Amino acid sequence: MRAALRAVTLAENILIGLLLIGIVAVILAQVFFRYALSQPLSWSTEVATGLLLYVAFVGFAIGVRDNAHVTLNLYERRLSDRGRRVVRSVELVFLGGVLLALGVGTVQYISEQRDVTTPAGLPLWTILLAIPLGSALGLLHVVVELIAPQPLPDEVSAEVDLVGGGV
């Protein structure tokens, strides 16, 4: 299972890097065509916006994976370790429910709008697919965290202090 999770992590990191490179390439192409050739690209804004949607949702999943989202830390620190674990589990279950609803709802919307295209002629589903993709990746990380929780932030700093790396 660890190897599969490492593969997913690597794939997410590569994907987000490629998406960011794609956004930069599309925007640079638009600037070049608009100002150097006086022939603006009609599709560049839609493609860059679609790529940005993928960055947002894949980035959201990476945030779930890395436990980088806003949590109730102010109140959690006052709880015992067990209390913090319970609060973290409730947060994860709620987040999982939101991700599931978002992913399923978007898949239903995509199936209803499968023949719709954007003004540039791109199938709308290719852009909207970012939402269920990011939701599925985020949900995977939620399930992994619920099954095999990572150390809580205070537990990590205590471990770092023990090895002399804490500040």
C-alpha atoms as a PDB file:
ATOM      1  CA  MET A   1       0.000   0.000   0.000  1.00  0.00           C
ATOM      2  CA  ARG A   2       2.870   2.369   0.773  1.00  0.00           C
ATOM      3  CA  ALA A   3       4.261   1.946  -2.739  1.00  0.00           C
ATOM      4  CA  ALA A   4       0.869   2.794  -4.248  1.00  0.00           C
ATOM      5  CA  LEU A   5       0.561   5.909  -2.068  1.00  0.00           C
ATOM      6  CA  ARG A   6       4.082   6.980  -3.019  1.00  0.00           C
ATOM      7  CA  ALA A   7       3.138   6.524  -6.680  1.00  0.00           C
ATOM      8  CA  VAL A   8       0.012   8.669  -6.202  1.00  0.00           C
ATOM      9  CA  THR A   9       2.086  11.328  -4.407  1.00  0.00           C
ATOM     10  CA  LEU A  10       4.651  11.374  -7.198  1.00  0.00           C
ATOM     11  CA  ALA A  11       1.913  11.507  -9.856  1.00  0.00           C
ATOM     12  CA  GLU A  12       0.197  14.424  -8.078  1.00  0.00           C
ATOM     13  CA  ASN A  13       3.456  16.344  -7.770  1.00  0.00           C
ATOM     14  CA  ILE A  14       4.373  15.759 -11.420  1.00  0.00           C
ATOM     15  CA  LEU A  15       0.842  16.614 -12.567  1.00  0.00           C
ATOM     16  CA  ILE A  16       0.719  19.908 -10.695  1.00  0.00           C
ATOM     17  CA  GLY A  17       4.168  20.824 -12.012  1.00  0.00           C
ATOM     18  CA  LEU A  18       3.121  20.080 -15.590  1.00  0.00           C
ATOM     19  CA  LEU A  19      -0.113  22.025 -15.143  1.00  0.00           C
ATOM     20  CA  LEU A  20       1.788  25.072 -13.891  1.00  0.00           C
ATOM     21  CA  ILE A  21       4.245  24.810 -16.792  1.00  0.00           C
ATOM     22  CA  GLY A  22       1.264  24.540 -19.143  1.00  0.00           C
ATOM     23  CA  ILE A  23      -0.313  27.707 -17.732  1.00  0.00           C
ATOM     24  CA  VAL A  24       2.942  29.633 -18.120  1.00  0.00           C
ATOM     25  CA  ALA A  25       3.421  28.316 -21.680  1.00  0.00           C
ATOM     26  CA  VAL A  26      -0.120  29.257 -22.741  1.00  0.00           C
ATOM     27  CA  ILE A  27       0.148  32.744 -21.237  1.00  0.00           C
ATOM     28  CA  LEU A  28       3.586  33.343 -22.776  1.00  0.00           C
ATOM     29  CA  ALA A  29       2.262  32.158 -26.149  1.00  0.00           C
ATOM     30  CA  GLN A  30      -0.673  34.552 -25.841  1.00  0.00           C
ATOM     31  CA  VAL A  31       1.621  37.470 -24.992  1.00  0.00           C
ATOM     32  CA  PHE A  32       3.933  36.626 -27.910  1.00  0.00           C
ATOM     33  CA  PHE A  33       1.111  36.232 -30.417  1.00  0.00           C
ATOM     34  CA  ARG A  34      -0.710  39.341 -29.209  1.00  0.00           C
ATOM     35  CA  TYR A  35       2.206  41.768 -28.981  1.00  0.00           C
ATOM     36  CA  ALA A  36       4.876  40.382 -31.318  1.00  0.00           C
ATOM     37  CA  LEU A  37       2.639  39.108 -34.117  1.00  0.00           C
ATOM     38  CA  SER A  38      -0.513  41.186 -33.512  1.00  0.00           C
ATOM     39  CA  GLN A  39      -2.521  37.951 -33.805  1.00  0.00           C
ATOM     40  CA  PRO A  40      -4.026  37.169 -30.379  1.00  0.00           C
ATOM     41  CA  LEU A  41      -4.971  33.568 -29.700  1.00  0.00           C
ATOM     42  CA  SER A  42      -8.715  33.114 -29.269  1.00  0.00           C
ATOM     43  CA  TRP A  43      -8.408  30.028 -27.075  1.00  0.00           C
ATOM     44  CA  SER A  44      -5.615  30.921 -24.670  1.00  0.00           C
ATOM     45  CA  THR A  45      -7.718  32.439 -21.887  1.00  0.00           C
ATOM     46  CA  GLU A  46     -10.046  29.434 -21.745  1.00  0.00           C
ATOM     47  CA  VAL A  47      -7.183  26.942 -21.754  1.00  0.00           C
ATOM     48  CA  ALA A  48      -5.258  28.845 -19.060  1.00  0.00           C
ATOM     49  CA  THR A  49      -8.416  29.097 -16.945  1.00  0.00           C
ATOM     50  CA  GLY A  50      -9.122  25.380 -17.380  1.00  0.00           C
ATOM     51  CA  LEU A  51      -5.560  24.516 -16.384  1.00  0.00           C
ATOM     52  CA  LEU A  52      -5.914  26.785 -13.363  1.00  0.00           C
ATOM     53  CA  LEU A  53      -9.014  24.851 -12.311  1.00  0.00           C
ATOM     54  CA  TYR A  54      -6.965  21.639 -12.440  1.00  0.00           C
ATOM     55  CA  VAL A  55      -4.196  23.303 -10.408  1.00  0.00           C
ATOM     56  CA  ALA A  56      -6.754  24.390  -7.810  1.00  0.00           C
ATOM     57  CA  PHE A  57      -8.331  20.961  -7.339  1.00  0.00           C
ATOM     58  CA  VAL A  58      -5.170  18.863  -7.594  1.00  0.00           C
ATOM     59  CA  GLY A  59      -3.546  21.399  -5.258  1.00  0.00           C
ATOM     60  CA  PHE A  60      -6.466  20.992  -2.877  1.00  0.00           C
ATOM     61  CA  ALA A  61      -5.871  17.224  -2.842  1.00  0.00           C
ATOM     62  CA  ILE A  62      -2.175  17.818  -2.170  1.00  0.00           C
ATOM     63  CA  GLY A  63      -3.169  20.103   0.698  1.00  0.00           C
ATOM     64  CA  VAL A  64      -5.303  17.306   2.146  1.00  0.00           C
ATOM     65  CA  ARG A  65      -2.424  14.869   1.705  1.00  0.00           C
ATOM     66  CA  ASP A  66       0.064  17.189   3.419  1.00  0.00           C
ATOM     67  CA  ASN A  67      -2.403  18.281   6.127  1.00  0.00           C
ATOM     68  CA  ALA A  68      -1.941  21.869   4.999  1.00  0.00           C
ATOM     69  CA  HIS A  69      -5.524  23.103   5.292  1.00  0.00           C
ATOM     70  CA  VAL A  70      -6.967  25.306   7.980  1.00  0.00           C
ATOM     71  CA  THR A  71      -8.048  23.336  11.027  1.00  0.00           C
ATOM     72  CA  LEU A  72      -9.225  24.110  14.530  1.00  0.00           C
ATOM     73  CA  ASN A  73      -5.658  24.326  15.887  1.00  0.00           C
ATOM     74  CA  LEU A  74      -6.455  27.146  18.291  1.00  0.00           C
ATOM     75  CA  TYR A  75      -8.876  24.916  20.185  1.00  0.00           C
ATOM     76  CA  GLU A  76      -7.197  21.595  19.446  1.00  0.00           C
ATOM     77  CA  ARG A  77      -4.049  22.558  21.336  1.00  0.00           C
ATOM     78  CA  ARG A  78      -6.068  22.792  24.541  1.00  0.00           C
ATOM     79  CA  LEU A  79      -7.295  19.204  24.176  1.00  0.00           C
ATOM     80  CA  SER A  80      -5.643  15.965  25.186  1.00  0.00           C
ATOM     81  CA  ASP A  81      -4.034  13.814  22.498  1.00  0.00           C
ATOM     82  CA  ARG A  82      -7.137  11.648  22.378  1.00  0.00           C
ATOM     83  CA  GLY A  83      -9.387  14.721  22.107  1.00  0.00           C
ATOM     84  CA  ARG A  84      -7.289  16.102  19.275  1.00  0.00           C
ATOM     85  CA  ARG A  85      -7.507  12.786  17.437  1.00  0.00           C
ATOM     86  CA  VAL A  86     -11.306  12.793  17.798  1.00  0.00           C
ATOM     87  CA  VAL A  87     -11.547  16.379  16.511  1.00  0.00           C
ATOM     88  CA  ARG A  88      -9.198  15.543  13.622  1.00  0.00           C
ATOM     89  CA  SER A  89     -11.297  12.495  12.735  1.00  0.00           C
ATOM     90  CA  VAL A  90     -14.493  14.583  12.754  1.00  0.00           C
ATOM     91  CA  GLU A  91     -12.799  17.174  10.516  1.00  0.00           C
ATOM     92  CA  LEU A  92     -11.709  14.439   8.111  1.00  0.00           C
ATOM     93  CA  VAL A  93     -15.152  12.804   7.997  1.00  0.00           C
ATOM     94  CA  PHE A  94     -16.756  16.192   7.279  1.00  0.00           C
ATOM     95  CA  LEU A  95     -14.151  16.967   4.611  1.00  0.00           C
ATOM     96  CA  GLY A  96     -14.656  13.526   3.077  1.00  0.00           C
ATOM     97  CA  GLY A  97     -18.407  14.123   2.891  1.00  0.00           C
ATOM     98  CA  VAL A  98     -17.903  17.481   1.183  1.00  0.00           C
ATOM     99  CA  LEU A  99     -15.442  15.973  -1.303  1.00  0.00           C
ATOM    100  CA  LEU A 100     -17.768  13.070  -2.044  1.00  0.00           C
ATOM    101  CA  ALA A 101     -20.746  15.382  -2.612  1.00  0.00           C
ATOM    102  CA  LEU A 102     -18.681  17.731  -4.773  1.00  0.00           C
ATOM    103  CA  GLY A 103     -17.265  14.907  -6.875  1.00  0.00           C
ATOM    104  CA  VAL A 104     -20.562  13.074  -7.353  1.00  0.00           C
ATOM    105  CA  GLY A 105     -22.456  16.296  -8.073  1.00  0.00           C
ATOM    106  CA  THR A 106     -19.933  17.358 -10.683  1.00  0.00           C
ATOM    107  CA  VAL A 107     -19.986  13.939 -12.367  1.00  0.00           C
ATOM    108  CA  GLN A 108     -23.786  14.204 -12.600  1.00  0.00           C
ATOM    109  CA  TYR A 109     -23.490  17.717 -14.036  1.00  0.00           C
ATOM    110  CA  ILE A 110     -20.864  16.572 -16.548  1.00  0.00           C
ATOM    111  CA  SER A 111     -23.107  13.717 -17.704  1.00  0.00           C
ATOM    112  CA  GLU A 112     -25.959  16.184 -18.247  1.00  0.00           C
ATOM    113  CA  GLN A 113     -23.735  18.670 -20.081  1.00  0.00           C
ATOM    114  CA  ARG A 114     -21.560  16.222 -22.032  1.00  0.00           C
ATOM    115  CA  ASP A 115     -22.402  17.786 -25.413  1.00  0.00           C
ATOM    116  CA  VAL A 116     -21.755  21.386 -24.325  1.00  0.00           C
ATOM    117  CA  THR A 117     -18.652  23.126 -25.605  1.00  0.00           C
ATOM    118  CA  THR A 118     -16.921  26.307 -24.522  1.00  0.00           C
ATOM    119  CA  PRO A 119     -16.790  29.342 -26.844  1.00  0.00           C
ATOM    120  CA  ALA A 120     -13.358  28.150 -28.018  1.00  0.00           C
ATOM    121  CA  GLY A 121     -14.822  24.760 -28.926  1.00  0.00           C
ATOM    122  CA  LEU A 122     -13.419  22.731 -26.026  1.00  0.00           C
ATOM    123  CA  PRO A 123     -15.779  20.132 -24.567  1.00  0.00           C
ATOM    124  CA  LEU A 124     -16.892  21.526 -21.212  1.00  0.00           C
ATOM    125  CA  TRP A 125     -16.420  18.152 -19.516  1.00  0.00           C
ATOM    126  CA  THR A 126     -12.656  18.279 -20.145  1.00  0.00           C
ATOM    127  CA  ILE A 127     -12.428  21.368 -17.958  1.00  0.00           C
ATOM    128  CA  LEU A 128     -14.953  20.286 -15.322  1.00  0.00           C
ATOM    129  CA  LEU A 129     -13.247  16.911 -14.920  1.00  0.00           C
ATOM    130  CA  ALA A 130     -10.763  18.723 -12.657  1.00  0.00           C
ATOM    131  CA  ILE A 131     -13.369  18.815  -9.889  1.00  0.00           C
ATOM    132  CA  PRO A 132     -14.095  15.071  -9.561  1.00  0.00           C
ATOM    133  CA  LEU A 133     -10.397  14.312 -10.123  1.00  0.00           C
ATOM    134  CA  GLY A 134      -9.318  16.586  -7.272  1.00  0.00           C
ATOM    135  CA  SER A 135     -12.212  15.385  -5.119  1.00  0.00           C
ATOM    136  CA  ALA A 136     -11.295  11.729  -5.669  1.00  0.00           C
ATOM    137  CA  LEU A 137      -7.631  12.359  -4.867  1.00  0.00           C
ATOM    138  CA  GLY A 138      -8.583  14.365  -1.779  1.00  0.00           C
ATOM    139  CA  LEU A 139     -11.008  11.651  -0.671  1.00  0.00           C
ATOM    140  CA  LEU A 140      -8.268   9.048  -1.086  1.00  0.00           C
ATOM    141  CA  HIS A 141      -6.026  11.071   1.229  1.00  0.00           C
ATOM    142  CA  VAL A 142      -8.858  11.510   3.747  1.00  0.00           C
ATOM    143  CA  VAL A 143      -9.455   7.744   3.851  1.00  0.00           C
ATOM    144  CA  VAL A 144      -5.725   7.046   4.220  1.00  0.00           C
ATOM    145  CA  GLU A 145      -5.489   9.578   7.064  1.00  0.00           C
ATOM    146  CA  LEU A 146      -8.500   8.025   8.816  1.00  0.00           C
ATOM    147  CA  ILE A 147      -7.070   4.504   8.499  1.00  0.00           C
ATOM    148  CA  ALA A 148      -3.430   5.325   9.302  1.00  0.00           C
ATOM    149  CA  PRO A 149      -3.265   8.782  10.924  1.00  0.00           C
ATOM    150  CA  GLN A 150      -0.113  10.849  10.643  1.00  0.00           C
ATOM    151  CA  PRO A 151       1.328  12.266  13.868  1.00  0.00           C
ATOM    152  CA  LEU A 152      -0.486  15.370  15.075  1.00  0.00           C
ATOM    153  CA  PRO A 153       1.451  18.649  14.654  1.00  0.00           C
ATOM    154  CA  ASP A 154       2.455  18.821  18.350  1.00  0.00           C
ATOM    155  CA  GLU A 155       3.596  15.196  18.220  1.00  0.00           C
ATOM    156  CA  VAL A 156       5.840  16.027  15.250  1.00  0.00           C
ATOM    157  CA  SER A 157       7.411  19.033  17.006  1.00  0.00           C
ATOM    158  CA  ALA A 158       7.994  16.940  20.124  1.00  0.00           C
ATOM    159  CA  GLU A 159       9.788  14.336  18.000  1.00  0.00           C
ATOM    160  CA  VAL A 160      11.869  17.044  16.308  1.00  0.00           C
ATOM    161  CA  ASP A 161      12.828  18.496  19.707  1.00  0.00           C
ATOM    162  CA  LEU A 162      13.989  15.058  20.843  1.00  0.00           C
ATOM    163  CA  VAL A 163      16.466  14.802  17.986  1.00  0.00           C
ATOM    164  CA  GLY A 164      17.753  18.344  18.448  1.00  0.00           C
ATOM    165  CA  GLY A 165      16.132  19.823  15.350  1.00  0.00           C
ATOM    166  CA  GLY A 166      13.493  21.930  17.068  1.00  0.00           C
ATOM    167  CA  VAL A 167      13.678  25.660  17.377  1.00  0.00           C
END
